C-alpha cells in the first residue's frame, strides 16, 4: 500500500504563498543543492503526484514551459498525476487524470500502488484529505522568513495531533520537518 505524503514549503508564520496566488518568491530562500537533491529523490520514488485544481494549473503552466532541462522538470512532466477538481473534466498535461471524487480515487490508488503518493500545494485539498484520514505524512520545508500575509497551508479551525518523525536543518536555514498525523 502506498503512503500519502503532503509536501509543501511554508514560511515560518505558516503561509505557503504570499498575498497573491502563486506568490512563491520565498521559495528561492530555501532552494539550493539540498532541496534540489530532495526533489530529485521524490521524483525517483514517487508513484503519483496529486494536486488541487489551482496548484495543478500553476504547475502545468510552469513545468510545461520551463526552459531549463533539469531532472526535476523531467520527473514533473513524466510522472503520473491526479488532479482534484469539480470544474475540470480532462487535462492535456502528460500522464494526468482528473477526478471529482478525490477521496475515493486516492483511497483506491493508495491500495493499488506501492510507491509514495505526493500531494503538492493545495491547501483546500490537504485539509479535506486530513479530515478523511488519507494522509500518512506531512513533510514541510519551513523557510526562515515571516511573510506576514498570504495563504495559510492549514485552515483555521482544523486540527489534530502530529508525531514528529524527523527534523533536518539545511545549510540555508530551512528546516525539513516530517510528521505523522495521529488518530
N, C-alpha and C. Protein backbone atom coordinates (compact mmCIF):
# COMPACT_ATOMS: atom_id res chain seq x y z
N UNK A 1 0.84 -1.18 0.00
CA UNK A 1 0.00 0.00 0.00
C UNK A 1 0.89 1.24 0.00
N UNK A 2 0.50 2.22 -0.79
CA UNK A 2 1.26 3.46 -0.90
C UNK A 2 0.98 4.39 0.27
N UNK A 3 1.99 5.13 0.67
CA UNK A 3 1.84 6.20 1.66
C UNK A 3 1.46 7.48 0.95
N UNK A 4 0.58 8.26 1.57
CA UNK A 4 0.21 9.57 1.05
C UNK A 4 0.97 10.61 1.85
N UNK A 5 1.82 11.37 1.15
CA UNK A 5 2.70 12.34 1.79
C UNK A 5 2.39 13.74 1.26
N UNK A 6 2.00 14.62 2.17
CA UNK A 6 1.80 16.02 1.82
C UNK A 6 3.16 16.70 1.85
N UNK A 7 3.50 17.44 0.81
CA UNK A 7 4.78 18.15 0.75
C UNK A 7 4.52 19.60 0.40
N UNK A 8 5.14 20.49 1.18
CA UNK A 8 5.00 21.91 0.87
C UNK A 8 6.09 22.71 1.54
N UNK A 9 6.38 23.87 0.98
CA UNK A 9 7.24 24.86 1.60
C UNK A 9 6.34 25.88 2.27
N UNK A 10 6.66 26.23 3.50
CA UNK A 10 5.88 27.23 4.23
C UNK A 10 6.82 28.23 4.88
N UNK A 11 6.31 29.43 5.06
CA UNK A 11 7.06 30.44 5.80
C UNK A 11 7.01 30.08 7.28
N UNK A 12 7.85 30.69 8.06
CA UNK A 12 7.88 30.43 9.50
C UNK A 12 6.53 30.75 10.14
N UNK A 13 5.78 31.70 9.56
CA UNK A 13 4.47 32.03 10.11
C UNK A 13 3.33 31.28 9.42
N UNK A 14 3.65 30.21 8.68
CA UNK A 14 2.63 29.27 8.21
C UNK A 14 2.00 29.51 6.86
N UNK A 15 2.54 30.42 6.05
CA UNK A 15 1.96 30.69 4.74
C UNK A 15 2.67 29.88 3.66
N UNK A 16 1.89 29.31 2.73
CA UNK A 16 2.52 28.58 1.63
C UNK A 16 2.58 29.41 0.35
N UNK A 17 1.94 30.57 0.37
CA UNK A 17 2.09 31.54 -0.71
C UNK A 17 1.82 32.92 -0.12
N UNK A 18 2.32 33.92 -0.82
CA UNK A 18 2.12 35.28 -0.35
C UNK A 18 0.70 35.77 -0.60
N UNK A 19 0.54 37.09 -0.64
CA UNK A 19 -0.79 37.69 -0.77
C UNK A 19 -1.47 37.38 -2.10
N UNK A 20 -0.71 37.21 -3.15
CA UNK A 20 -1.27 36.90 -4.46
C UNK A 20 -1.11 35.41 -4.75
N UNK A 21 -2.02 34.84 -5.55
CA UNK A 21 -1.88 33.46 -5.98
C UNK A 21 -0.53 33.28 -6.67
N UNK A 22 0.15 32.23 -6.35
CA UNK A 22 1.45 31.87 -6.91
C UNK A 22 2.56 32.86 -6.54
N UNK A 23 2.38 33.59 -5.46
CA UNK A 23 3.44 34.44 -4.92
C UNK A 23 4.34 33.52 -4.08
N UNK A 24 5.33 32.93 -4.76
CA UNK A 24 6.20 31.93 -4.14
C UNK A 24 7.65 32.39 -4.09
N UNK A 25 7.88 33.67 -4.11
CA UNK A 25 9.24 34.20 -4.11
C UNK A 25 10.07 33.71 -2.94
N UNK A 26 9.43 33.44 -1.81
CA UNK A 26 10.19 32.98 -0.65
C UNK A 26 10.81 31.60 -0.86
N UNK A 27 10.35 30.85 -1.85
CA UNK A 27 10.94 29.54 -2.16
C UNK A 27 12.42 29.67 -2.53
N UNK A 28 12.77 30.79 -3.15
CA UNK A 28 14.16 30.99 -3.56
C UNK A 28 15.11 31.00 -2.37
N UNK A 29 14.62 31.43 -1.21
CA UNK A 29 15.43 31.44 0.01
C UNK A 29 15.75 30.01 0.46
N UNK A 30 14.86 29.08 0.14
CA UNK A 30 15.04 27.68 0.54
C UNK A 30 15.78 26.86 -0.50
N UNK A 31 15.68 27.27 -1.76
CA UNK A 31 16.22 26.45 -2.85
C UNK A 31 17.74 26.43 -2.81
N UNK A 32 18.29 25.29 -3.09
CA UNK A 32 19.72 25.09 -3.15
C UNK A 32 19.99 23.62 -3.40
N UNK A 33 21.24 23.22 -3.35
CA UNK A 33 21.60 21.83 -3.67
C UNK A 33 20.87 20.79 -2.81
N UNK A 34 20.64 21.10 -1.54
CA UNK A 34 19.99 20.12 -0.66
C UNK A 34 18.51 19.92 -1.03
N UNK A 35 17.80 21.01 -1.30
CA UNK A 35 16.39 20.90 -1.66
C UNK A 35 16.25 20.33 -3.08
N UNK A 36 17.19 20.65 -3.94
CA UNK A 36 17.18 20.06 -5.28
C UNK A 36 17.37 18.55 -5.19
N UNK A 37 18.30 18.10 -4.36
CA UNK A 37 18.52 16.67 -4.18
C UNK A 37 17.27 15.98 -3.63
N UNK A 38 16.59 16.63 -2.71
CA UNK A 38 15.36 16.08 -2.16
C UNK A 38 14.28 15.99 -3.24
N UNK A 39 14.18 17.00 -4.09
CA UNK A 39 13.21 16.99 -5.18
C UNK A 39 13.50 15.85 -6.17
N UNK A 40 14.75 15.64 -6.46
CA UNK A 40 15.13 14.54 -7.35
C UNK A 40 14.82 13.20 -6.69
N UNK A 41 15.05 13.10 -5.40
CA UNK A 41 14.71 11.88 -4.66
C UNK A 41 13.20 11.61 -4.75
N UNK A 42 12.37 12.64 -4.56
CA UNK A 42 10.92 12.47 -4.69
C UNK A 42 10.58 11.92 -6.06
N UNK A 43 11.15 12.53 -7.10
CA UNK A 43 10.84 12.11 -8.47
C UNK A 43 11.22 10.68 -8.74
N UNK A 44 12.31 10.22 -8.12
CA UNK A 44 12.77 8.85 -8.35
C UNK A 44 11.93 7.80 -7.67
N UNK A 45 11.23 8.19 -6.60
CA UNK A 45 10.47 7.16 -5.89
C UNK A 45 8.96 7.36 -5.91
N UNK A 46 8.47 8.46 -6.47
CA UNK A 46 7.04 8.74 -6.47
C UNK A 46 6.27 7.81 -7.40
N UNK A 47 5.10 7.39 -6.94
CA UNK A 47 4.20 6.62 -7.78
C UNK A 47 3.12 7.49 -8.40
N UNK A 48 2.84 8.64 -7.75
CA UNK A 48 1.77 9.51 -8.20
C UNK A 48 1.95 10.88 -7.55
N UNK A 49 1.66 11.93 -8.31
CA UNK A 49 1.61 13.30 -7.79
C UNK A 49 0.15 13.73 -7.78
N UNK A 50 -0.27 14.40 -6.71
CA UNK A 50 -1.66 14.83 -6.58
C UNK A 50 -1.69 16.34 -6.36
N UNK A 51 -2.60 17.00 -7.07
CA UNK A 51 -2.76 18.45 -6.98
C UNK A 51 -4.23 18.80 -6.88
N UNK A 52 -4.53 19.90 -6.21
CA UNK A 52 -5.83 20.54 -6.37
C UNK A 52 -5.81 21.29 -7.69
N UNK A 53 -6.96 21.76 -8.14
CA UNK A 53 -7.04 22.40 -9.45
C UNK A 53 -6.13 23.62 -9.58
N UNK A 54 -6.12 24.50 -8.58
CA UNK A 54 -5.34 25.73 -8.67
C UNK A 54 -3.84 25.39 -8.74
N UNK A 55 -3.39 24.50 -7.88
CA UNK A 55 -1.98 24.10 -7.90
C UNK A 55 -1.65 23.43 -9.22
N UNK A 56 -2.53 22.58 -9.70
CA UNK A 56 -2.33 21.91 -10.99
C UNK A 56 -2.12 22.93 -12.11
N UNK A 57 -2.99 23.94 -12.16
CA UNK A 57 -2.87 24.92 -13.24
C UNK A 57 -1.53 25.64 -13.19
N UNK A 58 -1.06 25.99 -12.00
CA UNK A 58 0.23 26.65 -11.88
C UNK A 58 1.39 25.72 -12.21
N UNK A 59 1.32 24.49 -11.72
CA UNK A 59 2.38 23.51 -12.00
C UNK A 59 2.47 23.21 -13.50
N UNK A 60 1.32 22.98 -14.11
CA UNK A 60 1.30 22.69 -15.54
C UNK A 60 1.89 23.85 -16.33
N UNK A 61 1.46 25.07 -16.01
CA UNK A 61 1.97 26.24 -16.73
C UNK A 61 3.48 26.35 -16.60
N UNK A 62 4.00 26.09 -15.39
CA UNK A 62 5.43 26.23 -15.18
C UNK A 62 6.22 25.09 -15.82
N UNK A 63 5.88 23.84 -15.48
CA UNK A 63 6.71 22.70 -15.89
C UNK A 63 6.63 22.38 -17.37
N UNK A 64 5.57 22.77 -18.04
CA UNK A 64 5.50 22.50 -19.48
C UNK A 64 6.19 23.58 -20.30
N UNK A 65 6.57 24.70 -19.66
CA UNK A 65 7.23 25.78 -20.40
C UNK A 65 8.62 26.11 -19.87
N UNK A 66 9.03 25.50 -18.75
CA UNK A 66 10.36 25.79 -18.18
C UNK A 66 11.43 25.49 -19.22
N UNK A 67 12.35 26.42 -19.38
CA UNK A 67 13.38 26.27 -20.42
C UNK A 67 14.53 25.37 -20.00
N UNK A 68 14.85 25.35 -18.72
CA UNK A 68 15.96 24.51 -18.25
C UNK A 68 15.56 23.05 -18.31
N UNK A 69 16.41 22.24 -18.88
CA UNK A 69 16.16 20.80 -18.95
C UNK A 69 16.79 20.14 -17.74
N UNK A 70 16.04 20.09 -16.65
CA UNK A 70 16.55 19.54 -15.40
C UNK A 70 15.91 18.18 -15.13
N UNK A 71 16.50 17.46 -14.21
CA UNK A 71 15.94 16.18 -13.79
C UNK A 71 14.58 16.39 -13.16
N UNK A 72 14.43 17.46 -12.38
CA UNK A 72 13.15 17.73 -11.73
C UNK A 72 12.08 18.00 -12.79
N UNK A 73 12.39 18.77 -13.81
CA UNK A 73 11.43 19.03 -14.89
C UNK A 73 11.03 17.73 -15.57
N UNK A 74 11.99 16.85 -15.83
CA UNK A 74 11.68 15.58 -16.48
C UNK A 74 10.72 14.76 -15.62
N UNK A 75 10.97 14.69 -14.33
CA UNK A 75 10.07 13.96 -13.44
C UNK A 75 8.67 14.59 -13.42
N UNK A 76 8.61 15.89 -13.28
CA UNK A 76 7.31 16.56 -13.18
C UNK A 76 6.45 16.33 -14.41
N UNK A 77 7.08 16.27 -15.57
CA UNK A 77 6.32 16.06 -16.80
C UNK A 77 6.03 14.59 -17.07
N UNK A 78 6.82 13.68 -16.54
CA UNK A 78 6.65 12.26 -16.85
C UNK A 78 5.81 11.50 -15.82
N UNK A 79 5.89 11.87 -14.56
CA UNK A 79 5.20 11.10 -13.52
C UNK A 79 3.68 11.14 -13.69
N UNK A 80 2.99 10.07 -13.27
CA UNK A 80 1.53 10.10 -13.25
C UNK A 80 1.04 11.18 -12.29
N UNK A 81 -0.03 11.88 -12.72
CA UNK A 81 -0.57 12.98 -11.92
C UNK A 81 -2.09 12.81 -11.81
N UNK A 82 -2.61 13.19 -10.64
CA UNK A 82 -4.05 13.15 -10.40
C UNK A 82 -4.46 14.53 -9.91
N UNK A 83 -5.51 15.08 -10.51
CA UNK A 83 -5.98 16.42 -10.17
C UNK A 83 -7.37 16.32 -9.56
N UNK A 84 -7.55 16.93 -8.40
CA UNK A 84 -8.85 17.01 -7.76
C UNK A 84 -9.55 18.26 -8.27
N UNK A 85 -10.68 18.07 -8.95
CA UNK A 85 -11.39 19.23 -9.48
C UNK A 85 -12.86 18.91 -9.70
N UNK A 86 -13.70 19.88 -9.35
CA UNK A 86 -15.12 19.78 -9.66
C UNK A 86 -15.45 20.54 -10.94
N UNK A 87 -14.46 21.26 -11.49
CA UNK A 87 -14.73 22.07 -12.68
C UNK A 87 -14.01 21.58 -13.93
N UNK A 88 -12.88 20.90 -13.78
CA UNK A 88 -12.18 20.33 -14.93
C UNK A 88 -12.64 18.89 -15.15
N UNK A 89 -12.67 18.47 -16.41
CA UNK A 89 -13.01 17.09 -16.70
C UNK A 89 -11.82 16.33 -17.27
N UNK A 90 -10.93 17.04 -17.95
CA UNK A 90 -9.77 16.41 -18.58
C UNK A 90 -8.56 17.32 -18.46
N UNK A 91 -7.40 16.76 -18.83
CA UNK A 91 -6.16 17.53 -18.83
C UNK A 91 -5.35 17.16 -20.07
N UNK A 92 -4.60 18.12 -20.58
CA UNK A 92 -3.70 17.82 -21.69
C UNK A 92 -2.25 17.76 -21.23
N UNK A 93 -2.02 17.76 -19.91
CA UNK A 93 -0.66 17.60 -19.39
C UNK A 93 -0.36 16.11 -19.35
N UNK A 94 0.81 15.75 -19.81
CA UNK A 94 1.24 14.35 -19.91
C UNK A 94 0.93 13.56 -18.63
N UNK A 95 0.35 12.38 -18.79
CA UNK A 95 0.09 11.44 -17.68
C UNK A 95 -0.77 12.03 -16.57
N UNK A 96 -1.76 12.83 -16.93
CA UNK A 96 -2.61 13.49 -15.93
C UNK A 96 -4.06 13.05 -16.07
N UNK A 97 -4.64 12.67 -14.94
CA UNK A 97 -6.06 12.34 -14.87
C UNK A 97 -6.73 13.33 -13.92
N UNK A 98 -8.03 13.54 -14.12
CA UNK A 98 -8.81 14.46 -13.29
C UNK A 98 -9.93 13.67 -12.63
N UNK A 99 -10.20 13.98 -11.37
CA UNK A 99 -11.31 13.33 -10.67
C UNK A 99 -12.07 14.33 -9.82
N UNK A 100 -13.39 14.15 -9.77
CA UNK A 100 -14.21 14.95 -8.86
C UNK A 100 -14.34 14.25 -7.51
N UNK A 101 -13.98 12.97 -7.46
CA UNK A 101 -14.05 12.17 -6.23
C UNK A 101 -12.63 11.87 -5.75
N UNK A 102 -11.94 12.89 -5.26
CA UNK A 102 -10.54 12.72 -4.89
C UNK A 102 -10.37 11.75 -3.73
N UNK A 103 -11.25 11.80 -2.76
CA UNK A 103 -11.09 10.90 -1.61
C UNK A 103 -11.24 9.44 -2.03
N UNK A 104 -12.26 9.13 -2.81
CA UNK A 104 -12.46 7.76 -3.29
C UNK A 104 -11.34 7.31 -4.20
N UNK A 105 -10.95 8.18 -5.13
CA UNK A 105 -9.90 7.82 -6.08
C UNK A 105 -8.56 7.65 -5.38
N UNK A 106 -8.25 8.53 -4.45
CA UNK A 106 -6.99 8.42 -3.72
C UNK A 106 -6.97 7.17 -2.86
N UNK A 107 -8.08 6.83 -2.24
CA UNK A 107 -8.16 5.59 -1.45
C UNK A 107 -7.89 4.38 -2.34
N UNK A 108 -8.44 4.37 -3.55
CA UNK A 108 -8.21 3.26 -4.49
C UNK A 108 -6.75 3.21 -4.93
N UNK A 109 -6.19 4.37 -5.28
CA UNK A 109 -4.80 4.41 -5.75
C UNK A 109 -3.84 4.00 -4.64
N UNK A 110 -4.15 4.40 -3.44
CA UNK A 110 -3.33 4.07 -2.28
C UNK A 110 -3.23 2.55 -2.12
N UNK A 111 -4.34 1.85 -2.35
CA UNK A 111 -4.35 0.39 -2.25
C UNK A 111 -3.60 -0.26 -3.42
N UNK A 112 -3.69 0.34 -4.59
CA UNK A 112 -3.14 -0.26 -5.80
C UNK A 112 -1.64 -0.01 -5.98
N UNK A 113 -1.13 1.11 -5.47
CA UNK A 113 0.26 1.47 -5.70
C UNK A 113 1.15 1.01 -4.54
N UNK A 114 2.43 0.85 -4.83
CA UNK A 114 3.38 0.53 -3.76
C UNK A 114 4.46 1.59 -3.62
N UNK A 115 4.35 2.66 -4.39
CA UNK A 115 5.27 3.79 -4.29
C UNK A 115 4.56 4.97 -3.66
N UNK A 116 5.28 5.89 -3.01
CA UNK A 116 4.64 7.03 -2.35
C UNK A 116 3.81 7.90 -3.30
N UNK A 117 2.75 8.44 -2.74
CA UNK A 117 1.89 9.40 -3.42
C UNK A 117 2.15 10.75 -2.76
N UNK A 118 2.58 11.72 -3.56
CA UNK A 118 2.89 13.05 -3.02
C UNK A 118 1.79 14.04 -3.38
N UNK A 119 1.30 14.76 -2.38
CA UNK A 119 0.33 15.82 -2.56
C UNK A 119 1.11 17.13 -2.47
N UNK A 120 1.12 17.91 -3.54
CA UNK A 120 1.86 19.17 -3.58
C UNK A 120 0.88 20.33 -3.46
N UNK A 121 1.26 21.34 -2.64
CA UNK A 121 0.46 22.56 -2.54
C UNK A 121 -0.94 22.27 -2.04
N UNK A 122 -1.90 22.99 -2.57
CA UNK A 122 -3.31 22.65 -2.44
C UNK A 122 -3.84 22.63 -1.02
N UNK A 123 -3.95 23.78 -0.39
CA UNK A 123 -4.41 23.88 1.00
C UNK A 123 -5.80 23.30 1.19
N UNK A 124 -6.72 23.58 0.31
CA UNK A 124 -8.08 23.03 0.42
C UNK A 124 -8.03 21.50 0.34
N UNK A 125 -7.28 21.00 -0.60
CA UNK A 125 -7.16 19.55 -0.78
C UNK A 125 -6.52 18.91 0.45
N UNK A 126 -5.45 19.49 0.94
CA UNK A 126 -4.77 18.94 2.12
C UNK A 126 -5.75 18.86 3.29
N UNK A 127 -6.52 19.91 3.49
CA UNK A 127 -7.47 19.92 4.59
C UNK A 127 -8.48 18.77 4.45
N UNK A 128 -9.03 18.59 3.26
CA UNK A 128 -10.03 17.53 3.07
C UNK A 128 -9.41 16.14 3.22
N UNK A 129 -8.19 15.96 2.76
CA UNK A 129 -7.53 14.66 2.89
C UNK A 129 -7.18 14.35 4.35
N UNK A 130 -6.77 15.37 5.10
CA UNK A 130 -6.51 15.16 6.53
C UNK A 130 -7.80 14.78 7.25
N UNK A 131 -8.88 15.50 6.94
CA UNK A 131 -10.16 15.20 7.58
C UNK A 131 -10.65 13.79 7.25
N UNK A 132 -10.34 13.31 6.05
CA UNK A 132 -10.75 11.97 5.61
C UNK A 132 -9.82 10.87 6.13
N UNK A 133 -8.72 11.25 6.78
CA UNK A 133 -7.78 10.26 7.28
C UNK A 133 -6.94 9.61 6.20
N UNK A 134 -6.73 10.32 5.10
CA UNK A 134 -5.98 9.76 3.97
C UNK A 134 -4.52 10.19 3.92
N UNK A 135 -4.06 10.97 4.88
CA UNK A 135 -2.68 11.46 4.88
C UNK A 135 -1.86 10.64 5.88
N UNK A 136 -0.77 10.07 5.39
CA UNK A 136 0.14 9.30 6.24
C UNK A 136 1.27 10.15 6.80
N UNK A 137 1.63 11.20 6.06
CA UNK A 137 2.77 12.02 6.49
C UNK A 137 2.61 13.44 5.96
N UNK A 138 3.02 14.39 6.77
CA UNK A 138 3.10 15.80 6.36
C UNK A 138 4.58 16.16 6.40
N UNK A 139 5.09 16.58 5.26
CA UNK A 139 6.50 16.94 5.14
C UNK A 139 6.58 18.41 4.73
N UNK A 140 7.17 19.21 5.60
CA UNK A 140 7.24 20.65 5.36
C UNK A 140 8.68 21.11 5.30
N UNK A 141 8.94 22.04 4.41
CA UNK A 141 10.19 22.79 4.43
C UNK A 141 9.83 24.15 5.02
N UNK A 142 10.25 24.38 6.25
CA UNK A 142 9.95 25.64 6.92
C UNK A 142 11.06 26.63 6.57
N UNK A 143 10.69 27.65 5.83
CA UNK A 143 11.64 28.63 5.30
C UNK A 143 11.77 29.77 6.33
N UNK A 144 13.01 30.15 6.66
CA UNK A 144 13.21 31.16 7.71
C UNK A 144 12.87 32.58 7.24
N UNK A 145 11.58 32.80 7.07
CA UNK A 145 11.08 34.11 6.68
C UNK A 145 9.66 34.25 7.23
N UNK A 146 9.29 35.45 7.64
CA UNK A 146 7.92 35.74 8.04
C UNK A 146 7.28 36.56 6.93
N UNK A 147 6.25 36.02 6.30
CA UNK A 147 5.58 36.75 5.23
C UNK A 147 4.57 37.75 5.76
N UNK A 148 3.97 37.46 6.90
CA UNK A 148 3.00 38.38 7.49
C UNK A 148 1.61 38.27 6.91
N UNK A 149 1.50 37.95 5.63
CA UNK A 149 0.21 37.81 4.94
C UNK A 149 0.35 36.76 3.86
N UNK A 150 -0.79 36.20 3.50
CA UNK A 150 -0.79 35.22 2.42
C UNK A 150 -1.83 34.14 2.67
N UNK A 151 -1.60 32.99 2.07
CA UNK A 151 -2.50 31.86 2.21
C UNK A 151 -1.86 30.84 3.14
N UNK A 152 -2.55 30.53 4.21
CA UNK A 152 -2.05 29.54 5.16
C UNK A 152 -2.25 28.14 4.59
N UNK A 153 -1.30 27.26 4.90
CA UNK A 153 -1.44 25.88 4.45
C UNK A 153 -2.56 25.18 5.20
N UNK A 154 -2.64 25.40 6.50
CA UNK A 154 -3.66 24.72 7.30
C UNK A 154 -4.79 25.68 7.61
N UNK A 155 -6.01 25.22 7.36
CA UNK A 155 -7.19 26.05 7.55
C UNK A 155 -7.44 26.31 9.02
N UNK A 156 -7.93 27.50 9.30
CA UNK A 156 -8.32 27.85 10.66
C UNK A 156 -9.46 26.94 11.10
N UNK A 157 -9.35 26.45 12.31
CA UNK A 157 -10.39 25.58 12.85
C UNK A 157 -10.14 24.10 12.65
N UNK A 158 -9.22 23.75 11.74
CA UNK A 158 -8.90 22.33 11.59
C UNK A 158 -7.74 22.01 12.53
N UNK A 159 -7.67 20.79 12.95
CA UNK A 159 -6.60 20.46 13.88
C UNK A 159 -6.39 18.97 14.01
N UNK A 160 -5.49 18.62 14.87
CA UNK A 160 -5.17 17.22 15.13
C UNK A 160 -3.73 17.11 15.58
N UNK A 161 -3.47 16.08 16.36
CA UNK A 161 -2.12 15.86 16.86
C UNK A 161 -1.23 15.26 15.79
N UNK A 162 0.04 15.62 15.86
CA UNK A 162 1.04 15.11 14.93
C UNK A 162 2.22 14.55 15.73
N UNK A 163 2.82 13.51 15.19
CA UNK A 163 4.01 12.91 15.81
C UNK A 163 5.21 13.22 14.93
N UNK A 164 6.24 13.82 15.52
CA UNK A 164 7.45 14.16 14.76
C UNK A 164 8.18 12.90 14.35
N UNK A 165 8.47 12.79 13.05
CA UNK A 165 9.24 11.67 12.51
C UNK A 165 10.69 12.05 12.28
N UNK A 166 10.91 13.31 11.87
CA UNK A 166 12.27 13.75 11.56
C UNK A 166 12.30 15.27 11.51
N UNK A 167 13.41 15.83 11.92
CA UNK A 167 13.69 17.24 11.68
C UNK A 167 15.10 17.32 11.14
N UNK A 168 15.26 18.03 10.03
CA UNK A 168 16.55 18.09 9.37
C UNK A 168 16.83 19.52 8.89
N UNK A 169 17.78 20.19 9.52
CA UNK A 169 18.11 21.54 9.05
C UNK A 169 18.94 21.49 7.77
N UNK A 170 18.69 22.45 6.90
CA UNK A 170 19.51 22.61 5.69
C UNK A 170 20.51 23.73 5.94
N UNK A 171 21.53 23.79 5.15
CA UNK A 171 22.59 24.77 5.37
C UNK A 171 22.12 26.21 5.20
N UNK A 172 21.00 26.43 4.48
CA UNK A 172 20.50 27.80 4.27
C UNK A 172 19.50 28.24 5.35
N UNK A 173 19.33 27.43 6.40
CA UNK A 173 18.44 27.79 7.50
C UNK A 173 17.04 27.20 7.39
N UNK A 174 16.68 26.67 6.23
CA UNK A 174 15.41 25.98 6.08
C UNK A 174 15.47 24.70 6.89
N UNK A 175 14.33 24.29 7.44
CA UNK A 175 14.27 23.05 8.22
C UNK A 175 13.20 22.15 7.59
N UNK A 176 13.58 20.91 7.31
CA UNK A 176 12.64 19.92 6.82
C UNK A 176 12.05 19.22 8.04
N UNK A 177 10.72 19.23 8.13
CA UNK A 177 10.01 18.57 9.23
C UNK A 177 9.10 17.52 8.65
N UNK A 178 9.16 16.33 9.23
CA UNK A 178 8.26 15.24 8.82
C UNK A 178 7.41 14.84 10.02
N UNK A 179 6.10 14.81 9.80
CA UNK A 179 5.15 14.47 10.85
C UNK A 179 4.19 13.40 10.36
N UNK A 180 3.72 12.57 11.29
CA UNK A 180 2.64 11.62 11.01
C UNK A 180 1.41 12.09 11.79
N UNK A 181 0.27 12.20 11.11
CA UNK A 181 -0.96 12.51 11.84
C UNK A 181 -1.28 11.38 12.81
N UNK A 182 -1.77 11.71 13.98
CA UNK A 182 -2.14 10.70 14.96
C UNK A 182 -3.65 10.59 15.04
N UNK A 183 -4.10 9.37 15.28
CA UNK A 183 -5.53 9.16 15.49
C UNK A 183 -6.30 8.80 14.28
